[in-house]
C-alpha atoms as a PDB file:
ATOM      1  CA  MET A   1     -16.169  18.403  21.508  1.00  0.00           C
ATOM      2  CA  LYS A   2     -12.519  18.897  22.414  1.00  0.00           C
ATOM      3  CA  TYR A   3     -10.456  16.820  24.785  1.00  0.00           C
ATOM      4  CA  LEU A   4      -7.355  17.612  26.767  1.00  0.00           C
ATOM      5  CA  ILE A   5      -4.887  14.746  26.472  1.00  0.00           C
ATOM      6  CA  THR A   6      -1.581  14.617  28.276  1.00  0.00           C
ATOM      7  CA  GLU A   7       1.529  13.769  26.287  1.00  0.00           C
ATOM      8  CA  SER A   8       1.997  10.496  28.171  1.00  0.00           C
ATOM      9  CA  SER A   9      -1.597   9.502  27.394  1.00  0.00           C
ATOM     10  CA  LEU A  10      -1.031  10.306  23.737  1.00  0.00           C
ATOM     11  CA  ASP A  11       2.094   8.117  23.788  1.00  0.00           C
ATOM     12  CA  LYS A  12       0.049   5.228  25.208  1.00  0.00           C
ATOM     13  CA  ILE A  13      -2.743   5.687  22.669  1.00  0.00           C
ATOM     14  CA  VAL A  14      -0.302   5.710  19.755  1.00  0.00           C
ATOM     15  CA  GLY A  15       1.448   2.629  21.153  1.00  0.00           C
ATOM     16  CA  LYS A  16      -1.863   0.767  21.348  1.00  0.00           C
ATOM     17  CA  LEU A  17      -2.861   1.862  17.845  1.00  0.00           C
ATOM     18  CA  LEU A  18       0.438   0.668  16.378  1.00  0.00           C
ATOM     19  CA  ASN A  19       0.574  -2.655  18.191  1.00  0.00           C
ATOM     20  CA  SER A  20      -3.054  -3.755  18.254  1.00  0.00           C
ATOM     21  CA  LYS A  21      -4.035  -6.721  16.118  1.00  0.00           C
ATOM     22  CA  GLN A  22      -7.600  -5.356  16.011  1.00  0.00           C
ATOM     23  CA  LYS A  23      -8.873  -2.095  14.608  1.00  0.00           C
ATOM     24  CA  LEU A  24      -9.460   0.170  17.626  1.00  0.00           C
ATOM     25  CA  MET A  25     -11.048   3.058  15.722  1.00  0.00           C
ATOM     26  CA  PRO A  26     -11.708   4.188  12.162  1.00  0.00           C
ATOM     27  CA  ASP A  27      -8.522   4.813  10.181  1.00  0.00           C
ATOM     28  CA  GLU A  28      -9.399   8.504   9.711  1.00  0.00           C
ATOM     29  CA  GLU A  29      -9.417   9.027  13.483  1.00  0.00           C
ATOM     30  CA  ALA A  30      -6.263   6.972  14.006  1.00  0.00           C
ATOM     31  CA  SER A  31      -4.549   9.004  11.288  1.00  0.00           C
ATOM     32  CA  LYS A  32      -5.468  12.280  13.024  1.00  0.00           C
ATOM     33  CA  ILE A  33      -3.968  10.998  16.272  1.00  0.00           C
ATOM     34  CA  ILE A  34      -0.813   9.846  14.459  1.00  0.00           C
ATOM     35  CA  ARG A  35      -0.437  13.281  12.804  1.00  0.00           C
ATOM     36  CA  MET A  36      -0.883  15.033  16.160  1.00  0.00           C
ATOM     37  CA  TYR A  37       1.715  12.731  17.701  1.00  0.00           C
ATOM     38  CA  LEU A  38       4.191  13.474  14.892  1.00  0.00           C
ATOM     39  CA  GLN A  39       3.690  17.234  15.317  1.00  0.00           C
ATOM     40  CA  LEU A  40       4.443  16.960  19.033  1.00  0.00           C
ATOM     41  CA  ASN A  41       7.433  14.661  18.463  1.00  0.00           C
ATOM     42  CA  PRO A  42       9.498  16.110  15.604  1.00  0.00           C
ATOM     43  CA  ASP A  43      12.297  13.611  16.293  1.00  0.00           C
ATOM     44  CA  VAL A  44       9.946  10.746  15.311  1.00  0.00           C
ATOM     45  CA  SER A  45       9.287  10.140  11.610  1.00  0.00           C
ATOM     46  CA  ILE A  46       6.270   8.526  10.019  1.00  0.00           C
ATOM     47  CA  GLU A  47       8.642   5.855   8.717  1.00  0.00           C
ATOM     48  CA  ASN A  48       9.548   4.991  12.327  1.00  0.00           C
ATOM     49  CA  LEU A  49       5.865   4.559  13.163  1.00  0.00           C
ATOM     50  CA  ILE A  50       5.223   2.420  10.083  1.00  0.00           C
ATOM     51  CA  PHE A  51       8.220   0.239  11.007  1.00  0.00           C
ATOM     52  CA  GLU A  52       6.740  -0.142  14.501  1.00  0.00           C
ATOM     53  CA  LYS A  53       3.338  -1.055  13.014  1.00  0.00           C
ATOM     54  CA  LEU A  54       4.940  -3.679  10.745  1.00  0.00           C
ATOM     55  CA  ASP A  55       7.117  -5.015  13.607  1.00  0.00           C
ATOM     56  CA  GLY A  56       3.933  -5.345  15.678  1.00  0.00           C
ATOM     57  CA  LYS A  57       2.492  -7.723  13.090  1.00  0.00           C
ATOM     58  CA  LYS A  58       5.115 -10.269  14.145  1.00  0.00           C
ATOM     59  CA  PHE A  59       5.423 -11.800  10.690  1.00  0.00           C
ATOM     60  CA  ILE A  60       6.953 -15.250  10.487  1.00  0.00           C
ATOM     61  CA  GLN A  61       9.707 -15.566   7.893  1.00  0.00           C
ATOM     62  CA  ILE A  62       9.673 -18.726   5.825  1.00  0.00           C
ATOM     63  CA  LYS A  63      12.715 -19.376   3.646  1.00  0.00           C
ATOM     64  CA  LYS A  64      12.174 -21.477   0.526  1.00  0.00           C
ATOM     65  CA  TRP A  65      14.763 -21.773  -2.206  1.00  0.00           C
ATOM     66  CA  ASP A  66      16.044 -18.245  -2.825  1.00  0.00           C
ATOM     67  CA  ARG A  67      12.906 -16.582  -1.440  1.00  0.00           C
ATOM     68  CA  ILE A  68      11.839 -15.266   1.930  1.00  0.00           C
ATOM     69  CA  TYR A  69       8.120 -15.125   2.645  1.00  0.00           C
ATOM     70  CA  PHE A  70       6.593 -12.997   5.412  1.00  0.00           C
ATOM     71  CA  VAL A  71       3.439 -14.736   6.651  1.00  0.00           C
ATOM     72  CA  ASN A  72       1.008 -14.186   9.504  1.00  0.00           C
ATOM     73  CA  SER A  73       1.119 -17.832  10.597  1.00  0.00           C
ATOM     74  CA  GLU A  74       2.938 -20.988   9.574  1.00  0.00           C
ATOM     75  CA  ASN A  75      -0.304 -22.396   8.138  1.00  0.00           C
ATOM     76  CA  ASP A  76      -0.778 -19.516   5.680  1.00  0.00           C
ATOM     77  CA  GLU A  77      -0.968 -20.489   2.032  1.00  0.00           C
ATOM     78  CA  TYR A  78      -0.126 -16.972   0.848  1.00  0.00           C
ATOM     79  CA  ALA A  79       2.428 -14.470   2.098  1.00  0.00           C
ATOM     80  CA  GLN A  80       2.002 -10.796   2.902  1.00  0.00           C
ATOM     81  CA  ILE A  81       5.464 -10.061   1.491  1.00  0.00           C
ATOM     82  CA  ARG A  82       7.840 -12.042  -0.707  1.00  0.00           C
ATOM     83  CA  TYR A  83      11.507 -11.194  -1.137  1.00  0.00           C
ATOM     84  CA  ASP A  84      13.678 -12.850  -3.796  1.00  0.00           C
ATOM     85  CA  LYS A  85      17.287 -13.053  -2.664  1.00  0.00           C
ATOM     86  CA  SER A  86      18.582 -13.696  -6.173  1.00  0.00           C
ATOM     87  CA  ASP A  87      17.535 -10.331  -7.599  1.00  0.00           C
ATOM     88  CA  GLY A  88      16.207  -8.259  -4.676  1.00  0.00           C
ATOM     89  CA  TRP A  89      12.621  -8.290  -5.969  1.00  0.00           C
ATOM     90  CA  CYS A  90       9.999  -7.516  -3.329  1.00  0.00           C
ATOM     91  CA  GLY A  91       6.298  -8.250  -3.747  1.00  0.00           C
ATOM     92  CA  ILE A  92       3.776  -6.898  -1.239  1.00  0.00           C
ATOM     93  CA  TYR A  93       0.196  -8.112  -0.913  1.00  0.00           C
ATOM     94  CA  TYR A  94      -2.074  -5.246  -1.962  1.00  0.00           C
ATOM     95  CA  GLU A  95      -4.230  -5.484   1.195  1.00  0.00           C
ATOM     96  CA  LEU A  96      -1.173  -4.812   3.375  1.00  0.00           C
ATOM     97  CA  ILE A  97      -0.397  -1.740   1.255  1.00  0.00           C
ATOM     98  CA  ASP A  98      -4.023  -0.603   1.577  1.00  0.00           C
ATOM     99  CA  GLU A  99      -3.940  -1.102   5.347  1.00  0.00           C
ATOM    100  CA  ILE A 100      -0.798   1.012   5.801  1.00  0.00           C
ATOM    101  CA  SER A 101      -1.983   3.660   3.327  1.00  0.00           C
ATOM    102  CA  SER A 102      -5.357   4.016   5.005  1.00  0.00           C
ATOM    103  CA  PHE A 103      -4.043   3.961   8.573  1.00  0.00           C
ATOM    104  CA  PHE A 104      -1.352   6.585   7.960  1.00  0.00           C
ATOM    105  CA  SER A 105      -3.203   8.589   5.253  1.00  0.00           C
ATOM    106  CA  LEU A 106      -0.495   7.943   2.681  1.00  0.00           C
ATOM    107  CA  GLU A 107      -0.489   7.404  -1.051  1.00  0.00           C
ATOM    108  CA  GLN A 108      -0.091   3.738  -1.925  1.00  0.00           C
ATOM    109  CA  THR A 109       3.238   4.345  -3.644  1.00  0.00           C
ATOM    110  CA  ASP A 110       4.577   5.951  -0.455  1.00  0.00           C
ATOM    111  CA  SER A 111       3.406   2.961   1.583  1.00  0.00           C
ATOM    112  CA  GLU A 112       5.060   0.579  -0.883  1.00  0.00           C
ATOM    113  CA  GLN A 113       8.349   2.447  -0.545  1.00  0.00           C
ATOM    114  CA  VAL A 114       8.300   2.425   3.267  1.00  0.00           C
ATOM    115  CA  ILE A 115       7.338  -1.257   3.408  1.00  0.00           C
ATOM    116  CA  GLY A 116      10.268  -1.922   1.055  1.00  0.00           C
ATOM    117  CA  MET A 117      12.547   0.044   3.415  1.00  0.00           C
ATOM    118  CA  TRP A 118      11.234  -2.069   6.329  1.00  0.00           C
ATOM    119  CA  VAL A 119      12.012  -5.268   4.389  1.00  0.00           C
ATOM    120  CA  GLU A 120      15.560  -4.008   3.749  1.00  0.00           C
ATOM    121  CA  ASP A 121      15.987  -3.119   7.419  1.00  0.00           C
ATOM    122  CA  THR A 122      14.515  -6.398   8.661  1.00  0.00           C
ATOM    123  CA  LEU A 123      16.499  -8.661   6.333  1.00  0.00           C
ATOM    124  CA  GLN A 124      19.592  -6.462   6.035  1.00  0.00           C
ATOM    125  CA  MET A 125      19.322  -7.038   2.274  1.00  0.00           C
ATOM    126  CA  ARG A 126      18.769  -4.626  -0.584  1.00  0.00           C
ATOM    127  CA  VAL A 127      15.391  -4.292  -2.325  1.00  0.00           C
ATOM    128  CA  ASN A 128      16.113  -3.573  -5.990  1.00  0.00           C
ATOM    129  CA  GLY A 129      13.708  -1.264  -7.765  1.00  0.00           C
ATOM    130  CA  ASP A 130      10.313  -0.381  -6.415  1.00  0.00           C
ATOM    131  CA  PRO A 131       8.426  -2.927  -4.306  1.00  0.00           C
ATOM    132  CA  TRP A 132       5.652  -4.428  -6.391  1.00  0.00           C
ATOM    133  CA  PRO A 133       2.011  -4.495  -5.194  1.00  0.00           C
ATOM    134  CA  THR A 134       0.433  -7.815  -6.024  1.00  0.00           C
ATOM    135  CA  ASN A 135      -2.202 -10.355  -5.179  1.00  0.00           C
ATOM    136  CA  ARG A 136      -0.320 -13.007  -7.130  1.00  0.00           C
ATOM    137  CA  SER A 137       3.127 -14.586  -6.800  1.00  0.00           C
ATOM    138  CA  LEU A 138       2.807 -14.757  -3.042  1.00  0.00           C
ATOM    139  CA  GLN A 139       1.766 -18.398  -2.787  1.00  0.00           C
ATOM    140  CA  LEU A 140       4.197 -20.430  -0.732  1.00  0.00           C
END
């Protein structure tokens, strides 16, 4: 079955997909909609949409020693992202990488790179080397 969707409706759907805290549809379907949106809006990059998705998570930044932790809530024991100011190291919780990779149909290494770019943009600090996927080292 095919549907006719106006451009403004597509804009609203993409906005809801990017900013929803809950999964609104399977990632495969969301990814198809994202790809269609990108084809119709060549001035928008996938990186812009990933930045918007990460901004929508409204991470809380907790600064401890020379580290900045990105957490979902102040009560979290583990961070989603850790940035070390001393050397620019960036660790990303593997489930966050999986979420972005699945939602946008990207390779995990591509998701890691874009999340690292988002960290640089958010903190206005340089991430040295490749961001590191981990399920360790993120305890506050």
